[in-house]
Amino acid sequence: MCFGRLAEVLAEAAARGEVEVDDPSLAAQDLCGLWKGAADLGMKLGLEPLPSPEAIRARVERATRLFLKMIGSKP
């Protein structure tokens, strides 16, 4: 997966003082988990329909906003 590169981006942002991240690798996994959400399992099992591109975009934007609030992002 892309956890490694995402962890690098988060570590770089932390080094610049833009976010507070104690473990960039774990934070990358947390963010990916928020992006995927609980419906991911249902889709994998064929119990949930695939979301539209618009629904995916909305979920990723919302999850990213929540994540940035959780890690104390700074403007």
C-alpha atoms as a PDB file:
ATOM      1  CA  MET A   1       0.000   0.000   0.000  1.00  0.00           C
ATOM      2  CA  CYS A   2       0.944   3.629   0.045  1.00  0.00           C
ATOM      3  CA  PHE A   3       1.409   3.787   3.834  1.00  0.00           C
ATOM      4  CA  GLY A   4       5.149   4.406   3.476  1.00  0.00           C
ATOM      5  CA  ARG A   5       4.824   7.469   1.279  1.00  0.00           C
ATOM      6  CA  LEU A   6       1.912   8.833   3.297  1.00  0.00           C
ATOM      7  CA  ALA A   7       3.963   8.371   6.491  1.00  0.00           C
ATOM      8  CA  GLU A   8       6.797  10.341   4.856  1.00  0.00           C
ATOM      9  CA  VAL A   9       4.422  13.187   3.969  1.00  0.00           C
ATOM     10  CA  LEU A  10       3.095  13.284   7.530  1.00  0.00           C
ATOM     11  CA  ALA A  11       6.618  13.203   8.999  1.00  0.00           C
ATOM     12  CA  GLU A  12       7.655  16.076   6.725  1.00  0.00           C
ATOM     13  CA  ALA A  13       4.595  18.097   7.760  1.00  0.00           C
ATOM     14  CA  ALA A  14       5.398  17.396  11.424  1.00  0.00           C
ATOM     15  CA  ALA A  15       8.995  18.519  10.921  1.00  0.00           C
ATOM     16  CA  ARG A  16       7.678  21.803   9.502  1.00  0.00           C
ATOM     17  CA  GLY A  17       5.407  22.200  12.536  1.00  0.00           C
ATOM     18  CA  GLU A  18       2.216  21.902  10.478  1.00  0.00           C
ATOM     19  CA  VAL A  19       0.846  18.870  12.351  1.00  0.00           C
ATOM     20  CA  GLU A  20       1.502  16.996  15.576  1.00  0.00           C
ATOM     21  CA  VAL A  21       2.261  13.362  14.774  1.00  0.00           C
ATOM     22  CA  ASP A  22       4.116  11.102  17.204  1.00  0.00           C
ATOM     23  CA  ASP A  23       4.172   8.056  14.903  1.00  0.00           C
ATOM     24  CA  PRO A  24       3.885   8.880  11.181  1.00  0.00           C
ATOM     25  CA  SER A  25       3.425   5.223  10.176  1.00  0.00           C
ATOM     26  CA  LEU A  26       0.545   4.712  12.567  1.00  0.00           C
ATOM     27  CA  ALA A  27      -0.957   8.063  11.587  1.00  0.00           C
ATOM     28  CA  ALA A  28      -0.837   7.009   7.919  1.00  0.00           C
ATOM     29  CA  GLN A  29      -2.733   3.834   8.784  1.00  0.00           C
ATOM     30  CA  ASP A  30      -5.256   5.856  10.791  1.00  0.00           C
ATOM     31  CA  LEU A  31      -5.888   8.195   7.865  1.00  0.00           C
ATOM     32  CA  CYS A  32      -6.306   5.327   5.407  1.00  0.00           C
ATOM     33  CA  GLY A  33      -8.757   3.706   7.812  1.00  0.00           C
ATOM     34  CA  LEU A  34     -10.812   6.878   7.906  1.00  0.00           C
ATOM     35  CA  TRP A  35     -10.754   7.069   4.114  1.00  0.00           C
ATOM     36  CA  LYS A  36     -11.997   3.489   3.773  1.00  0.00           C
ATOM     37  CA  GLY A  37     -14.553   3.616   6.564  1.00  0.00           C
ATOM     38  CA  ALA A  38     -16.738   0.829   7.913  1.00  0.00           C
ATOM     39  CA  ALA A  39     -18.482   0.238   4.569  1.00  0.00           C
ATOM     40  CA  ASP A  40     -15.240  -1.152   3.132  1.00  0.00           C
ATOM     41  CA  LEU A  41     -15.852  -4.586   4.613  1.00  0.00           C
ATOM     42  CA  GLY A  42     -19.409  -4.641   3.317  1.00  0.00           C
ATOM     43  CA  MET A  43     -18.186  -3.830  -0.181  1.00  0.00           C
ATOM     44  CA  LYS A  44     -15.523  -6.542  -0.009  1.00  0.00           C
ATOM     45  CA  LEU A  45     -18.160  -9.065   1.019  1.00  0.00           C
ATOM     46  CA  GLY A  46     -20.529  -7.896  -1.709  1.00  0.00           C
ATOM     47  CA  LEU A  47     -23.069  -6.636   0.825  1.00  0.00           C
ATOM     48  CA  GLU A  48     -22.710  -2.950  -0.003  1.00  0.00           C
ATOM     49  CA  PRO A  49     -22.739  -1.357  -3.450  1.00  0.00           C
ATOM     50  CA  LEU A  50     -19.667   0.445  -4.701  1.00  0.00           C
ATOM     51  CA  PRO A  51     -19.898   4.174  -4.009  1.00  0.00           C
ATOM     52  CA  SER A  52     -20.005   6.729  -6.795  1.00  0.00           C
ATOM     53  CA  PRO A  53     -16.925   8.847  -7.512  1.00  0.00           C
ATOM     54  CA  GLU A  54     -18.735  11.784  -5.895  1.00  0.00           C
ATOM     55  CA  ALA A  55     -19.427   9.771  -2.730  1.00  0.00           C
ATOM     56  CA  ILE A  56     -15.792   8.664  -2.591  1.00  0.00           C
ATOM     57  CA  ARG A  57     -14.582  12.247  -2.966  1.00  0.00           C
ATOM     58  CA  ALA A  58     -16.960  13.467  -0.234  1.00  0.00           C
ATOM     59  CA  ARG A  59     -15.864  10.683   2.131  1.00  0.00           C
ATOM     60  CA  VAL A  60     -12.158  11.354   1.556  1.00  0.00           C
ATOM     61  CA  GLU A  61     -12.596  15.103   2.053  1.00  0.00           C
ATOM     62  CA  ARG A  62     -14.592  14.604   5.266  1.00  0.00           C
ATOM     63  CA  ALA A  63     -12.192  11.987   6.618  1.00  0.00           C
ATOM     64  CA  THR A  64      -9.208  14.207   5.842  1.00  0.00           C
ATOM     65  CA  ARG A  65     -10.799  17.155   7.674  1.00  0.00           C
ATOM     66  CA  LEU A  66     -11.483  14.938  10.697  1.00  0.00           C
ATOM     67  CA  PHE A  67      -7.949  13.546  10.646  1.00  0.00           C
ATOM     68  CA  LEU A  68      -6.394  17.017  10.481  1.00  0.00           C
ATOM     69  CA  LYS A  69      -8.498  18.095  13.471  1.00  0.00           C
ATOM     70  CA  MET A  70      -7.390  15.022  15.399  1.00  0.00           C
ATOM     71  CA  ILE A  71      -3.680  15.604  14.800  1.00  0.00           C
ATOM     72  CA  GLY A  72      -3.821  19.313  15.486  1.00  0.00           C
ATOM     73  CA  SER A  73      -3.142  20.734  12.047  1.00  0.00           C
ATOM     74  CA  LYS A  74      -2.057  24.337  11.896  1.00  0.00           C
ATOM     75  CA  PRO A  75      -2.988  26.703   9.034  1.00  0.00           C
END
